[in-house]
């Protein structure tokens, strides 16, 4: 749990890394780029999706989280591409970086080392170097969100100064609340015995918090979980959920900032699936702004999956199946 308790410090450290780099380099990066494209996988990739959603919420569409194998076809010298990899050995990100290098876009690499760092230095890319920690990539999310928010703010794409200055205190309050395992007693009662859990977010609200929960439930708790989005799930997933013969769990993420119609639609979804015997849980939200509530749900996922894993008697840090696949891929694709 110690790594998740460090969320506030990691967030602050991420912001500090960017500010220190800027202070030490006169030619950092061009301000006001046409677009900022963020590339990453796994725990490093989710940070880009979250930050892009924060930008959209403030009316800015030019921060894009892209799949390394589905790059925007029109990337050019007016764009900045940020490649993020905790280990520096994510082969998918390295492959994308090699392609981006040929497109004249400015490149920023965020990593602690590995082959990605070596390649970035070779092509004279901007490098925000993080310090290697005894942490899994998924445990470094706070640091990477801090780095990316600070980059977007420094490049004058979105003014995130309020988040950068005030979020640390909120994160400390969230850690204080969710460090208490008793907070999750009801969650264990509802979901603990379910062999499968559906994690649902709301479009334009909690989609990426739900996705983060899915990844953490699989990796930490070893619970088979998949994420989907409301209200799209009204048109498909609800039929499968409502016709399961076995115990099925469902976790629904939403903030207090939904529109009236969307909130009503979500409430009716909940009524229907609970009436069909689906065991449902809604995580608590903390904070008085949308961003604070999203952060609290992301951090709830970290702590809930950690404590659920302990409750299920599994090794919450080991990822034996992921390692098995990685070792099979390595001889052809590279990485570590």
Protein backbone atom coordinates (compact mmCIF):
# COMPACT_ATOMS: atom_id res chain seq x y z
CA UNK A 1 0.00 0.00 0.00
CA UNK A 2 2.97 2.31 0.56
CA UNK A 3 3.23 3.12 -3.17
CA UNK A 4 -0.41 4.25 -3.37
CA UNK A 5 -0.02 6.26 -0.17
CA UNK A 6 2.65 8.25 -2.03
CA UNK A 7 0.14 9.58 -4.59
CA UNK A 8 0.42 13.23 -3.39
CA UNK A 9 4.23 13.15 -3.32
CA UNK A 10 4.45 11.52 -6.74
CA UNK A 11 2.07 14.09 -8.23
CA UNK A 12 4.11 16.94 -6.74
CA UNK A 13 7.39 15.35 -7.91
CA UNK A 14 6.03 15.05 -11.46
CA UNK A 15 5.14 18.74 -11.60
CA UNK A 16 8.54 19.64 -10.12
CA UNK A 17 10.41 17.59 -12.75
CA UNK A 18 8.87 19.64 -15.56
CA UNK A 19 9.49 22.97 -13.86
CA UNK A 20 13.12 22.05 -13.13
CA UNK A 21 13.68 21.03 -16.74
CA UNK A 22 12.23 24.29 -18.03
CA UNK A 23 14.32 26.34 -15.60
CA UNK A 24 17.48 24.61 -16.83
CA UNK A 25 16.78 24.77 -20.56
CA UNK A 26 16.20 28.00 -22.45
CA UNK A 27 14.79 26.25 -25.51
CA UNK A 28 12.30 23.84 -23.99
CA UNK A 29 9.62 23.40 -26.62
CA UNK A 30 7.51 25.58 -28.83
CA UNK A 31 4.55 27.06 -26.99
CA UNK A 32 1.02 26.86 -28.38
CA UNK A 33 1.57 23.83 -30.66
CA UNK A 34 -1.20 22.84 -33.02
CA UNK A 35 -1.64 19.62 -31.08
CA UNK A 36 -0.07 17.63 -28.25
CA UNK A 37 -0.18 13.89 -28.93
CA UNK A 38 0.52 11.60 -25.95
CA UNK A 39 1.64 7.99 -26.50
CA UNK A 40 1.90 5.29 -23.86
CA UNK A 41 0.79 1.83 -22.84
CA UNK A 42 -0.59 0.37 -19.62
CA UNK A 43 -0.02 2.45 -16.50
CA UNK A 44 1.94 5.04 -18.48
CA UNK A 45 -0.73 5.28 -21.18
CA UNK A 46 -3.71 5.87 -18.91
CA UNK A 47 -2.12 9.12 -17.67
CA UNK A 48 -2.40 10.57 -21.18
CA UNK A 49 -6.06 9.63 -21.47
CA UNK A 50 -6.88 11.23 -18.14
CA UNK A 51 -5.03 14.47 -18.92
CA UNK A 52 -6.63 14.67 -22.38
CA UNK A 53 -10.06 14.33 -20.76
CA UNK A 54 -9.21 17.16 -18.36
CA UNK A 55 -8.31 19.34 -21.36
CA UNK A 56 -11.56 18.49 -23.16
CA UNK A 57 -13.53 19.38 -20.04
CA UNK A 58 -11.98 22.86 -20.30
CA UNK A 59 -12.92 23.20 -23.95
CA UNK A 60 -9.57 22.24 -25.51
CA UNK A 61 -9.52 19.43 -28.10
CA UNK A 62 -5.84 19.67 -29.05
CA UNK A 63 -4.51 17.32 -26.35
CA UNK A 64 -4.84 13.82 -27.80
CA UNK A 65 -4.04 10.44 -26.24
CA UNK A 66 -3.25 8.14 -29.16
CA UNK A 67 -2.61 4.43 -29.52
CA UNK A 68 1.04 3.83 -30.54
CA UNK A 69 -0.22 1.75 -33.48
CA UNK A 70 -2.92 4.22 -34.52
CA UNK A 71 -1.07 7.51 -34.79
CA UNK A 72 -2.83 10.55 -36.30
CA UNK A 73 -1.97 10.47 -40.00
CA UNK A 74 -1.38 14.23 -40.20
CA UNK A 75 1.32 14.62 -37.52
CA UNK A 76 3.78 17.32 -38.63
CA UNK A 77 6.24 19.93 -37.36
CA UNK A 78 3.45 21.96 -35.78
CA UNK A 79 2.75 19.14 -33.32
CA UNK A 80 4.47 17.93 -30.18
CA UNK A 81 4.48 14.19 -29.47
CA UNK A 82 5.04 12.99 -25.90
CA UNK A 83 6.19 9.37 -25.50
CA UNK A 84 5.68 8.01 -21.99
CA UNK A 85 7.16 4.80 -20.59
CA UNK A 86 8.01 4.19 -16.93
CA UNK A 87 10.60 1.52 -17.70
CA UNK A 88 11.79 2.89 -21.03
CA UNK A 89 11.50 -0.62 -22.43
CA UNK A 90 7.94 -0.60 -23.73
CA UNK A 91 8.43 -1.88 -27.25
CA UNK A 92 5.14 -0.47 -28.52
CA UNK A 93 6.14 3.08 -27.55
CA UNK A 94 9.62 2.66 -29.02
CA UNK A 95 8.12 1.54 -32.34
CA UNK A 96 5.87 4.60 -32.37
CA UNK A 97 8.78 6.90 -31.53
CA UNK A 98 10.74 5.60 -34.51
CA UNK A 99 7.80 6.47 -36.78
CA UNK A 100 7.27 9.90 -35.22
CA UNK A 101 10.95 10.74 -35.69
CA UNK A 102 10.37 10.74 -39.45
CA UNK A 103 7.41 13.17 -39.26
CA UNK A 104 9.23 16.36 -38.15
CA UNK A 105 7.17 16.73 -34.98
CA UNK A 106 8.96 17.87 -31.84
CA UNK A 107 9.41 14.94 -29.46
CA UNK A 108 9.33 14.84 -25.67
CA UNK A 109 10.18 11.57 -23.95
CA UNK A 110 9.17 10.86 -20.35
CA UNK A 111 10.98 7.84 -18.91
CA UNK A 112 13.32 6.58 -16.21
CA UNK A 113 15.76 4.93 -18.63
CA UNK A 114 15.93 1.87 -20.84
CA UNK A 115 16.14 1.70 -24.62
CA UNK A 116 13.68 4.57 -24.96
CA UNK A 117 16.03 6.94 -23.15
CA UNK A 118 18.99 5.82 -25.27
CA UNK A 119 17.06 6.37 -28.48
CA UNK A 120 15.69 9.74 -27.31
CA UNK A 121 19.19 11.00 -26.54
CA UNK A 122 20.42 9.74 -29.90
CA UNK A 123 17.83 11.81 -31.78
CA UNK A 124 18.20 14.83 -29.43
CA UNK A 125 14.64 14.68 -28.15
CA UNK A 126 13.57 16.58 -25.06
CA UNK A 127 13.82 14.14 -22.14
CA UNK A 128 11.99 14.45 -18.84
CA UNK A 129 13.88 11.83 -16.86
CA UNK A 130 12.14 10.31 -13.89
CA UNK A 131 14.05 8.59 -11.10
CA UNK A 132 13.75 4.78 -11.10
CA UNK A 133 11.74 3.56 -8.14
CA UNK A 134 10.92 0.14 -6.78
CA UNK A 135 7.46 0.51 -8.23
CA UNK A 136 5.31 -1.12 -10.87
CA UNK A 137 4.34 1.17 -13.78
CA UNK A 138 0.75 1.19 -12.53
CA UNK A 139 1.99 2.58 -9.21
CA UNK A 140 3.51 5.63 -10.93
CA UNK A 141 0.27 7.10 -12.30
CA UNK A 142 0.33 10.11 -9.95
CA UNK A 143 3.80 11.09 -11.12
CA UNK A 144 2.92 10.82 -14.81
CA UNK A 145 -0.31 12.80 -14.43
CA UNK A 146 1.66 15.52 -12.65
CA UNK A 147 4.24 15.58 -15.45
CA UNK A 148 1.67 15.73 -18.24
CA UNK A 149 -0.51 18.38 -16.58
CA UNK A 150 2.60 20.50 -16.02
CA UNK A 151 3.68 20.03 -19.66
CA UNK A 152 0.28 21.03 -21.01
CA UNK A 153 0.28 24.08 -18.75
CA UNK A 154 3.88 25.08 -19.59
CA UNK A 155 3.21 24.79 -23.32
CA UNK A 156 0.26 27.18 -22.88
CA UNK A 157 -2.23 24.70 -24.29
CA UNK A 158 -4.48 24.66 -21.22
CA UNK A 159 -4.16 26.73 -18.06
CA UNK A 160 -3.92 24.03 -15.40
CA UNK A 161 -2.25 26.30 -12.83
CA UNK A 162 -5.14 25.87 -10.39
CA UNK A 163 -4.80 22.06 -10.45
CA UNK A 164 -1.03 22.20 -10.14
CA UNK A 165 -1.18 24.50 -7.12
CA UNK A 166 -4.09 23.02 -5.19
CA UNK A 167 -4.44 19.34 -6.04
CA UNK A 168 -1.74 18.03 -3.70
CA UNK A 169 -3.77 18.92 -0.60
CA UNK A 170 -6.83 17.16 -2.02
CA UNK A 171 -4.78 14.07 -2.83
CA UNK A 172 -3.53 13.96 0.77
CA UNK A 173 -7.12 14.03 2.02
CA UNK A 174 -8.07 11.22 -0.36
CA UNK A 175 -5.12 9.08 0.76
CA UNK A 176 -6.08 9.68 4.40
CA UNK A 177 -9.62 8.46 3.71
CA UNK A 178 -8.86 5.47 1.53
CA UNK A 179 -5.90 4.18 3.55
CA UNK A 180 -8.48 2.85 6.01
CA UNK A 181 -9.46 -0.66 4.90
CA UNK A 182 -12.78 -0.35 6.75
CA UNK A 183 -13.91 2.08 4.04
CA UNK A 184 -14.06 -0.87 1.63
CA UNK A 185 -16.09 -3.29 3.76
CA UNK A 186 -19.28 -2.80 1.77
CA UNK A 187 -17.37 -3.09 -1.50
CA UNK A 188 -15.97 -6.46 -0.36
CA UNK A 189 -19.47 -7.61 0.62
CA UNK A 190 -20.91 -6.68 -2.77
CA UNK A 191 -18.11 -7.65 -5.15
CA UNK A 192 -15.80 -9.97 -3.20
CA UNK A 193 -17.34 -13.28 -4.30
CA UNK A 194 -18.16 -12.32 -7.88
CA UNK A 195 -16.02 -14.16 -10.47
CA UNK A 196 -16.57 -11.37 -12.99
CA UNK A 197 -17.12 -7.65 -12.56
CA UNK A 198 -18.17 -5.00 -15.05
CA UNK A 199 -16.73 -1.54 -14.40
CA UNK A 200 -18.90 1.23 -15.82
CA UNK A 201 -18.03 4.87 -16.31
CA UNK A 202 -20.08 7.67 -17.81
CA UNK A 203 -19.15 9.28 -21.12
CA UNK A 204 -17.61 12.72 -20.63
CA UNK A 205 -17.49 12.14 -16.89
CA UNK A 206 -15.80 9.04 -15.46
CA UNK A 207 -14.91 6.94 -18.51
CA UNK A 208 -11.17 6.87 -17.79
CA UNK A 209 -11.58 6.45 -14.04
CA UNK A 210 -13.57 3.30 -14.82
CA UNK A 211 -10.88 2.12 -17.23
CA UNK A 212 -8.24 2.64 -14.55
CA UNK A 213 -10.35 0.58 -12.15
CA UNK A 214 -10.55 -2.22 -14.70
CA UNK A 215 -6.77 -2.36 -15.06
CA UNK A 216 -6.19 -2.27 -11.31
CA UNK A 217 -8.75 -4.96 -10.51
CA UNK A 218 -7.11 -7.27 -13.02
CA UNK A 219 -3.50 -6.57 -12.03
CA UNK A 220 -3.75 -6.05 -8.27
CA UNK A 221 -6.75 -8.14 -7.23
CA UNK A 222 -6.50 -10.72 -10.06
CA UNK A 223 -10.24 -10.19 -10.58
CA UNK A 224 -11.58 -10.58 -14.12
CA UNK A 225 -13.00 -7.14 -14.85
CA UNK A 226 -13.88 -5.25 -18.02
CA UNK A 227 -14.89 -1.63 -18.43
CA UNK A 228 -17.60 -0.06 -20.53
CA UNK A 229 -19.27 3.31 -20.85
CA UNK A 230 -22.76 4.62 -20.12
CA UNK A 231 -25.06 5.43 -21.83
CA UNK A 232 -23.64 3.35 -24.72
CA UNK A 233 -24.06 0.27 -22.52
CA UNK A 234 -27.82 0.90 -22.49
CA UNK A 235 -27.83 -0.39 -26.05
CA UNK A 236 -25.86 -3.62 -25.61
CA UNK A 237 -24.10 -4.55 -22.35
CA UNK A 238 -27.25 -4.31 -20.24
CA UNK A 239 -28.76 -7.28 -22.08
CA UNK A 240 -25.84 -9.54 -21.18
CA UNK A 241 -25.66 -8.28 -17.60
CA UNK A 242 -29.35 -8.83 -17.08
CA UNK A 243 -29.26 -12.46 -18.26
CA UNK A 244 -26.37 -13.94 -16.27
CA UNK A 245 -27.12 -17.17 -14.36
CA UNK A 246 -24.16 -16.68 -12.00
CA UNK A 247 -23.20 -13.96 -9.56
CA UNK A 248 -22.15 -10.87 -11.49
CA UNK A 249 -20.75 -7.69 -10.00
CA UNK A 250 -20.98 -4.19 -11.35
CA UNK A 251 -19.15 -1.06 -10.19
CA UNK A 252 -20.60 2.24 -11.46
CA UNK A 253 -18.48 5.39 -11.44
CA UNK A 254 -20.12 8.81 -11.62
CA UNK A 255 -19.46 12.27 -10.29
CA UNK A 256 -21.95 14.82 -9.01
CA UNK A 257 -21.60 16.86 -12.21
CA UNK A 258 -23.80 14.87 -14.62
CA UNK A 259 -26.53 16.59 -16.58
CA UNK A 260 -30.08 15.93 -15.36
CA UNK A 261 -30.98 13.65 -18.27
CA UNK A 262 -27.74 11.67 -18.11
CA UNK A 263 -28.10 11.18 -14.35
CA UNK A 264 -31.68 9.96 -14.85
CA UNK A 265 -30.58 7.53 -17.57
CA UNK A 266 -27.82 6.14 -15.33
CA UNK A 267 -30.25 5.75 -12.41
CA UNK A 268 -32.65 3.77 -14.62
CA UNK A 269 -29.81 1.53 -15.79
CA UNK A 270 -28.98 0.81 -12.15
CA UNK A 271 -32.63 0.08 -11.34
CA UNK A 272 -32.92 -2.44 -14.18
CA UNK A 273 -29.75 -4.41 -13.52
CA UNK A 274 -30.30 -4.53 -9.75
CA UNK A 275 -33.79 -5.82 -10.45
CA UNK A 276 -32.15 -8.59 -12.50
CA UNK A 277 -29.97 -9.68 -9.59
CA UNK A 278 -26.71 -7.93 -10.50
CA UNK A 279 -24.70 -6.97 -7.41
CA UNK A 280 -23.89 -3.27 -7.74
CA UNK A 281 -21.54 -0.89 -5.96
CA UNK A 282 -21.02 2.87 -6.39
CA UNK A 283 -17.70 4.19 -5.05
CA UNK A 284 -17.80 7.37 -2.95
CA UNK A 285 -16.61 10.63 -4.49
CA UNK A 286 -14.54 13.22 -2.64
CA UNK A 287 -14.06 16.86 -3.59
CA UNK A 288 -16.03 19.89 -4.71
CA UNK A 289 -14.90 20.07 -8.36
CA UNK A 290 -15.16 17.62 -11.24
CA UNK A 291 -11.40 17.12 -11.44
CA UNK A 292 -11.13 16.44 -7.70
CA UNK A 293 -13.93 13.88 -7.86
CA UNK A 294 -12.33 12.11 -10.82
CA UNK A 295 -9.01 12.00 -8.98
CA UNK A 296 -10.74 10.53 -5.93
CA UNK A 297 -12.33 7.77 -8.04
CA UNK A 298 -9.02 6.92 -9.68
CA UNK A 299 -7.37 6.67 -6.27
CA UNK A 300 -10.30 4.70 -4.87
CA UNK A 301 -9.56 2.13 -7.60
CA UNK A 302 -5.93 1.87 -6.51
CA UNK A 303 -6.72 1.30 -2.86
CA UNK A 304 -9.82 -0.85 -3.46
CA UNK A 305 -7.96 -3.21 -5.80
CA UNK A 306 -5.03 -3.42 -3.39
CA UNK A 307 -7.19 -4.27 -0.38
CA UNK A 308 -9.39 -6.63 -2.42
CA UNK A 309 -6.28 -8.48 -3.56
CA UNK A 310 -5.17 -8.92 0.05
CA UNK A 311 -8.69 -10.03 0.95
CA UNK A 312 -8.56 -12.64 -1.83
CA UNK A 313 -5.15 -13.85 -0.69
CA UNK A 314 -3.24 -13.02 -3.88
CA UNK A 315 0.10 -11.36 -4.48
CA UNK A 316 -1.03 -7.86 -5.42
CA UNK A 317 2.28 -6.81 -6.98
CA UNK A 318 3.18 -9.89 -9.00
CA UNK A 319 1.95 -10.09 -12.61
CA UNK A 320 3.05 -13.60 -13.57
CA UNK A 321 0.79 -13.92 -16.60
CA UNK A 322 1.84 -10.53 -17.99
CA UNK A 323 5.49 -11.51 -17.46
CA UNK A 324 4.94 -14.83 -19.24
CA UNK A 325 3.51 -13.03 -22.28
CA UNK A 326 6.23 -10.38 -22.19
CA UNK A 327 8.93 -13.05 -22.25
CA UNK A 328 7.35 -14.75 -25.26
CA UNK A 329 7.11 -11.46 -27.17
CA UNK A 330 10.56 -10.15 -26.30
CA UNK A 331 12.70 -12.14 -28.81
CA UNK A 332 10.79 -10.63 -31.74
CA UNK A 333 9.45 -7.32 -30.45
CA UNK A 334 12.14 -6.32 -27.96
CA UNK A 335 11.56 -4.62 -24.63
CA UNK A 336 12.03 -6.07 -21.19
